[in-house]
N, C-alpha and C. Protein backbone atom coordinates (compact mmCIF):
# COMPACT_ATOMS: atom_id res chain seq x y z
N MET A 1 -130.61 42.58 63.83
CA MET A 1 -129.34 42.28 64.01
C MET A 1 -128.54 43.42 63.36
N ASN A 2 -129.13 44.09 62.27
CA ASN A 2 -128.47 45.08 61.56
C ASN A 2 -128.12 46.23 62.42
N ARG A 3 -128.88 46.65 63.30
CA ARG A 3 -128.62 47.70 64.29
C ARG A 3 -127.55 47.33 65.11
N PHE A 4 -127.52 46.11 65.59
CA PHE A 4 -126.45 45.52 66.52
C PHE A 4 -125.27 45.40 65.84
N SER A 5 -125.02 45.05 64.62
CA SER A 5 -123.80 44.95 63.92
C SER A 5 -123.31 46.46 63.67
N ASN A 6 -124.17 47.23 63.32
CA ASN A 6 -123.74 48.68 63.23
C ASN A 6 -123.23 49.26 64.42
N ARG A 7 -123.89 48.96 65.58
CA ARG A 7 -123.37 49.65 66.74
C ARG A 7 -122.25 48.94 67.29
N LEU A 8 -121.97 47.56 67.04
CA LEU A 8 -120.73 46.99 67.55
C LEU A 8 -119.41 47.55 66.67
N ALA A 9 -119.73 47.55 65.35
CA ALA A 9 -118.67 48.26 64.61
C ALA A 9 -118.45 49.61 64.91
N ALA A 10 -119.40 50.46 65.17
CA ALA A 10 -119.15 51.83 65.50
C ALA A 10 -118.50 51.96 66.95
N VAL A 11 -118.89 51.04 67.73
CA VAL A 11 -118.19 51.14 69.24
C VAL A 11 -116.68 50.72 68.94
N ILE A 12 -116.48 49.66 68.33
CA ILE A 12 -114.94 49.36 68.04
C ILE A 12 -114.34 50.32 67.52
N SER A 13 -114.82 51.02 66.35
CA SER A 13 -114.06 52.04 65.80
C SER A 13 -113.93 53.31 66.51
N ALA A 14 -114.90 53.61 67.36
CA ALA A 14 -114.74 54.63 68.16
C ALA A 14 -113.66 54.56 69.42
N LEU A 15 -113.65 53.24 69.88
CA LEU A 15 -112.69 52.95 70.87
C LEU A 15 -111.36 53.02 70.27
N TYR A 16 -111.10 52.60 68.93
CA TYR A 16 -109.84 52.74 68.34
C TYR A 16 -109.39 54.20 68.16
N LEU A 17 -110.48 55.11 67.81
CA LEU A 17 -110.11 56.50 67.61
C LEU A 17 -109.88 57.10 68.92
N ALA A 18 -110.58 56.70 69.98
CA ALA A 18 -110.23 57.41 71.30
C ALA A 18 -108.89 56.93 71.70
N GLY A 19 -108.47 55.63 71.50
CA GLY A 19 -107.04 55.08 71.85
C GLY A 19 -106.01 56.12 70.94
N GLY A 20 -106.41 56.29 69.73
CA GLY A 20 -105.52 57.16 68.96
C GLY A 20 -105.26 58.58 69.39
N VAL A 21 -106.42 59.15 69.95
CA VAL A 21 -106.24 60.43 70.55
C VAL A 21 -105.41 60.46 71.93
N ALA A 22 -105.49 59.37 72.55
CA ALA A 22 -104.64 59.26 73.78
C ALA A 22 -103.20 59.00 73.32
N VAL A 23 -102.93 58.28 72.36
CA VAL A 23 -101.62 58.14 71.77
C VAL A 23 -101.11 59.43 71.37
N TRP A 24 -101.90 60.32 70.66
CA TRP A 24 -101.38 61.52 70.20
C TRP A 24 -100.99 62.43 71.38
N ILE A 25 -101.90 62.56 72.33
CA ILE A 25 -101.71 63.34 73.48
C ILE A 25 -100.39 62.96 74.18
N SER A 26 -100.14 61.62 74.27
CA SER A 26 -98.96 61.20 74.89
C SER A 26 -97.71 61.71 73.92
N PHE A 27 -97.93 61.51 72.75
CA PHE A 27 -96.98 61.86 71.83
C PHE A 27 -96.53 63.44 72.00
N ILE A 28 -97.60 64.35 72.05
CA ILE A 28 -97.29 65.69 72.11
C ILE A 28 -96.61 66.09 73.42
N ASN A 29 -96.85 65.31 74.60
CA ASN A 29 -96.29 65.69 75.75
C ASN A 29 -94.88 64.94 76.01
N THR A 30 -94.33 64.54 74.95
CA THR A 30 -92.92 63.85 75.06
C THR A 30 -91.97 64.77 74.50
N ASN A 31 -90.68 64.66 74.75
CA ASN A 31 -89.59 65.34 73.97
C ASN A 31 -89.56 64.87 72.61
N PRO A 32 -89.37 65.86 71.67
CA PRO A 32 -89.24 65.44 70.26
C PRO A 32 -87.83 64.66 69.85
N ASP A 33 -87.60 63.60 70.43
CA ASP A 33 -86.25 62.98 70.21
C ASP A 33 -86.63 61.79 69.16
N GLY A 34 -85.62 61.10 69.06
CA GLY A 34 -85.75 59.76 68.18
C GLY A 34 -86.85 58.77 68.35
N LEU A 35 -87.06 58.62 69.68
CA LEU A 35 -88.04 57.52 70.08
C LEU A 35 -89.50 58.01 70.35
N ALA A 36 -89.86 59.42 70.34
CA ALA A 36 -91.04 59.86 70.62
C ALA A 36 -92.16 59.46 69.74
N ASN A 37 -91.72 59.12 68.51
CA ASN A 37 -92.84 58.79 67.61
C ASN A 37 -93.11 57.28 67.59
N VAL A 38 -92.40 56.53 68.22
CA VAL A 38 -92.62 55.10 68.38
C VAL A 38 -94.11 54.62 68.63
N GLY A 39 -94.59 55.12 69.55
CA GLY A 39 -96.09 54.90 69.94
C GLY A 39 -97.09 55.20 68.88
N LEU A 40 -96.79 56.33 68.02
CA LEU A 40 -97.64 56.69 66.90
C LEU A 40 -97.56 55.55 65.77
N ILE A 41 -96.14 55.14 65.52
CA ILE A 41 -95.81 54.28 64.51
C ILE A 41 -96.65 52.68 64.84
N PHE A 42 -96.38 52.34 66.16
CA PHE A 42 -97.11 51.13 66.42
C PHE A 42 -98.44 51.02 66.43
N TYR A 43 -99.19 52.47 66.85
CA TYR A 43 -100.72 52.39 66.77
C TYR A 43 -101.23 52.15 65.40
N VAL A 44 -100.55 52.68 64.55
CA VAL A 44 -101.10 52.65 63.13
C VAL A 44 -100.16 51.68 62.37
N ALA A 45 -99.96 50.54 63.02
CA ALA A 45 -98.89 49.51 62.55
C ALA A 45 -99.29 49.11 61.03
N PRO A 46 -100.56 48.92 60.65
CA PRO A 46 -100.66 48.31 59.18
C PRO A 46 -100.22 49.51 58.28
N VAL A 47 -100.47 50.75 58.47
CA VAL A 47 -100.04 51.86 57.59
C VAL A 47 -98.55 52.05 57.70
N SER A 48 -98.07 51.85 58.83
CA SER A 48 -96.57 52.08 59.10
C SER A 48 -95.88 50.90 58.25
N PHE A 49 -96.34 49.64 58.44
CA PHE A 49 -95.80 48.59 57.52
C PHE A 49 -95.79 48.71 56.14
N LEU A 50 -96.96 49.39 55.61
CA LEU A 50 -97.02 49.68 54.25
C LEU A 50 -95.97 50.69 53.86
N GLY A 51 -95.78 51.68 54.75
CA GLY A 51 -94.83 52.76 54.45
C GLY A 51 -93.31 52.31 54.37
N VAL A 52 -93.09 51.26 55.37
CA VAL A 52 -91.67 50.56 55.40
C VAL A 52 -91.58 49.84 54.02
N LEU A 53 -92.59 49.10 53.63
CA LEU A 53 -92.55 48.37 52.45
C LEU A 53 -92.25 49.15 51.22
N ILE A 54 -92.96 50.34 51.09
CA ILE A 54 -92.81 51.15 50.07
C ILE A 54 -91.35 51.81 50.00
N ALA A 55 -90.74 52.12 51.18
CA ALA A 55 -89.58 52.72 51.25
C ALA A 55 -88.41 51.69 50.93
N TRP A 56 -88.66 50.38 51.24
CA TRP A 56 -87.85 49.31 50.98
C TRP A 56 -87.83 48.88 49.49
N LEU A 57 -88.94 48.93 48.93
CA LEU A 57 -89.04 48.62 47.45
C LEU A 57 -88.58 49.74 46.52
N THR A 58 -88.75 51.02 47.00
CA THR A 58 -88.17 52.13 46.21
C THR A 58 -86.69 52.51 46.47
N GLY A 59 -86.18 51.84 47.57
CA GLY A 59 -84.64 52.22 47.95
C GLY A 59 -84.65 53.40 48.56
N GLY A 60 -85.67 53.83 49.17
CA GLY A 60 -85.78 55.26 50.09
C GLY A 60 -85.13 55.08 51.31
N LYS A 61 -84.52 56.00 51.83
CA LYS A 61 -83.89 55.98 53.11
C LYS A 61 -84.78 56.58 54.35
N GLU A 62 -85.86 57.22 53.91
CA GLU A 62 -86.76 57.83 54.84
C GLU A 62 -88.22 57.42 54.52
N PHE A 63 -88.88 57.45 55.80
CA PHE A 63 -90.31 57.03 55.72
C PHE A 63 -91.17 57.82 54.92
N PRO A 64 -91.77 57.25 53.99
CA PRO A 64 -92.65 58.12 52.88
C PRO A 64 -93.64 58.77 53.28
N PHE A 65 -94.26 58.40 54.45
CA PHE A 65 -95.67 58.98 54.75
C PHE A 65 -95.53 60.18 55.64
N ILE A 66 -94.32 60.50 56.21
CA ILE A 66 -94.19 61.52 57.00
C ILE A 66 -93.30 62.74 56.22
N PRO A 67 -94.11 63.77 55.92
CA PRO A 67 -93.48 64.73 54.96
C PRO A 67 -92.43 65.53 55.86
N HIS A 68 -91.28 65.82 55.48
CA HIS A 68 -90.17 66.50 56.25
C HIS A 68 -90.20 67.97 56.00
N SER A 69 -91.09 68.51 55.08
CA SER A 69 -91.10 69.88 54.69
C SER A 69 -91.95 70.70 55.63
N LEU A 70 -92.68 70.01 56.43
CA LEU A 70 -93.51 70.66 57.59
C LEU A 70 -92.74 70.61 58.85
N GLY A 71 -93.19 71.16 60.00
CA GLY A 71 -92.53 71.10 61.22
C GLY A 71 -92.73 69.85 61.87
N TYR A 72 -92.06 69.43 63.03
CA TYR A 72 -92.03 67.99 63.56
C TYR A 72 -93.53 67.68 63.94
N TRP A 73 -94.30 68.38 64.70
CA TRP A 73 -95.57 68.10 65.04
C TRP A 73 -96.56 67.93 63.86
N GLN A 74 -96.52 69.03 62.94
CA GLN A 74 -97.33 68.88 61.81
C GLN A 74 -97.12 67.64 60.80
N SER A 75 -95.82 67.32 60.79
CA SER A 75 -95.38 66.32 59.79
C SER A 75 -95.99 64.92 60.43
N HIS A 76 -95.88 64.79 61.75
CA HIS A 76 -96.53 63.59 62.25
C HIS A 76 -98.02 63.56 62.29
N ALA A 77 -98.58 64.80 62.45
CA ALA A 77 -99.91 64.82 62.22
C ALA A 77 -100.62 64.47 60.97
N VAL A 78 -99.90 64.87 59.87
CA VAL A 78 -100.15 64.66 58.59
C VAL A 78 -100.12 63.05 58.29
N PHE A 79 -99.19 62.36 59.04
CA PHE A 79 -99.16 60.92 58.79
C PHE A 79 -100.15 60.26 59.84
N PHE A 80 -100.21 60.62 61.03
CA PHE A 80 -101.04 59.88 62.01
C PHE A 80 -102.58 59.89 61.88
N PHE A 81 -103.13 61.13 61.76
CA PHE A 81 -104.61 61.27 61.69
C PHE A 81 -105.17 60.66 60.50
N PRO A 82 -104.64 60.90 59.17
CA PRO A 82 -105.40 60.02 58.16
C PRO A 82 -105.19 58.57 58.35
N SER A 83 -103.97 58.20 58.84
CA SER A 83 -103.87 56.65 59.01
C SER A 83 -104.76 56.08 60.14
N LEU A 84 -104.92 57.04 61.16
CA LEU A 84 -105.99 56.62 62.21
C LEU A 84 -107.43 56.54 61.66
N LEU A 85 -107.74 57.37 60.78
CA LEU A 85 -109.09 57.43 60.19
C LEU A 85 -109.33 56.23 59.29
N ILE A 86 -108.28 55.97 58.50
CA ILE A 86 -108.35 54.78 57.40
C ILE A 86 -108.54 53.50 58.25
N ILE A 87 -107.62 53.33 59.33
CA ILE A 87 -107.71 52.04 60.08
C ILE A 87 -109.17 52.01 60.74
N ALA A 88 -109.54 53.13 61.23
CA ALA A 88 -110.89 52.95 61.94
C ALA A 88 -111.99 52.71 60.98
N ALA A 89 -111.89 53.17 59.84
CA ALA A 89 -113.02 52.95 58.78
C ALA A 89 -112.87 51.39 58.33
N LEU A 90 -111.57 50.88 58.17
CA LEU A 90 -111.62 49.56 57.88
C LEU A 90 -112.05 48.62 58.98
N LEU A 91 -111.85 48.84 60.33
CA LEU A 91 -112.26 48.15 61.30
C LEU A 91 -113.82 48.31 61.32
N TYR A 92 -114.48 49.16 61.07
CA TYR A 92 -115.84 49.28 60.89
C TYR A 92 -116.33 48.48 60.01
N ALA A 93 -115.86 48.53 58.79
CA ALA A 93 -116.34 47.75 57.61
C ALA A 93 -116.00 46.25 57.91
N VAL A 94 -114.93 45.83 58.46
CA VAL A 94 -114.65 44.39 58.65
C VAL A 94 -115.62 43.88 59.81
N VAL A 95 -115.76 44.62 60.87
CA VAL A 95 -116.54 43.98 61.92
C VAL A 95 -118.08 44.03 61.52
N ASN A 96 -118.50 45.10 60.82
CA ASN A 96 -119.96 45.08 60.44
C ASN A 96 -120.10 44.03 59.33
N ARG A 97 -119.22 43.71 58.33
CA ARG A 97 -119.38 42.57 57.44
C ARG A 97 -119.31 41.21 58.12
N ARG A 98 -118.50 41.08 59.11
CA ARG A 98 -118.35 39.81 59.79
C ARG A 98 -119.75 39.53 60.54
N GLN A 99 -120.25 40.59 61.28
CA GLN A 99 -121.46 40.34 61.93
C GLN A 99 -122.61 40.03 60.94
N ARG A 100 -122.60 40.71 59.89
CA ARG A 100 -123.85 40.30 58.92
C ARG A 100 -123.61 39.00 58.34
N ARG A 101 -122.45 38.55 58.07
CA ARG A 101 -122.18 37.15 57.60
C ARG A 101 -122.55 36.14 58.81
N ARG A 102 -122.29 36.34 59.89
CA ARG A 102 -122.60 35.62 60.97
C ARG A 102 -124.06 35.55 61.06
N HIS A 103 -124.64 36.51 61.12
CA HIS A 103 -126.21 36.72 61.14
C HIS A 103 -126.87 35.86 59.95
N ALA A 104 -126.22 36.00 58.79
CA ALA A 104 -126.87 35.41 57.63
C ALA A 104 -126.69 33.85 57.71
N ALA A 105 -125.46 33.45 58.30
CA ALA A 105 -125.32 32.14 58.44
C ALA A 105 -126.17 31.39 59.45
N ARG A 106 -126.70 32.19 60.37
CA ARG A 106 -127.53 31.56 61.42
C ARG A 106 -128.97 31.46 60.72
N GLN A 107 -129.32 32.46 59.87
CA GLN A 107 -130.66 32.48 59.32
C GLN A 107 -130.94 31.31 58.11
N THR A 108 -129.73 30.84 57.48
CA THR A 108 -129.94 29.98 56.53
C THR A 108 -130.29 28.63 57.05
N PRO A 109 -131.50 28.02 56.54
CA PRO A 109 -131.98 26.70 57.06
C PRO A 109 -130.97 25.56 56.61
N LEU A 110 -130.78 24.63 57.34
CA LEU A 110 -130.05 23.47 56.84
C LEU A 110 -130.88 22.65 56.07
N PRO A 111 -130.28 21.89 54.95
CA PRO A 111 -130.97 21.12 53.99
C PRO A 111 -131.38 19.68 54.63
């Protein structure tokens, strides 16, 4: 079961990463206007929500995770790819842990 839970977690994380690459390719093939980055923001929604929350709590008017000192594509890459990797790692950990708990529950004999 351990190999299965590891494989399942790895497959889910890999699919999420592959989807992220597709979202990035779509992003770089669009015009850099105000709505081009909406797909990026939605794809890494948990991190985006955290950024919005931080901006709201600190009274900031700009999204804190996209540095504006870099170019357009570089700024978005600095935000998107670390967010993508963090979420993929969390997906791996959550799925793997859930599968292990499920397996352990089945192995525990009833009194």
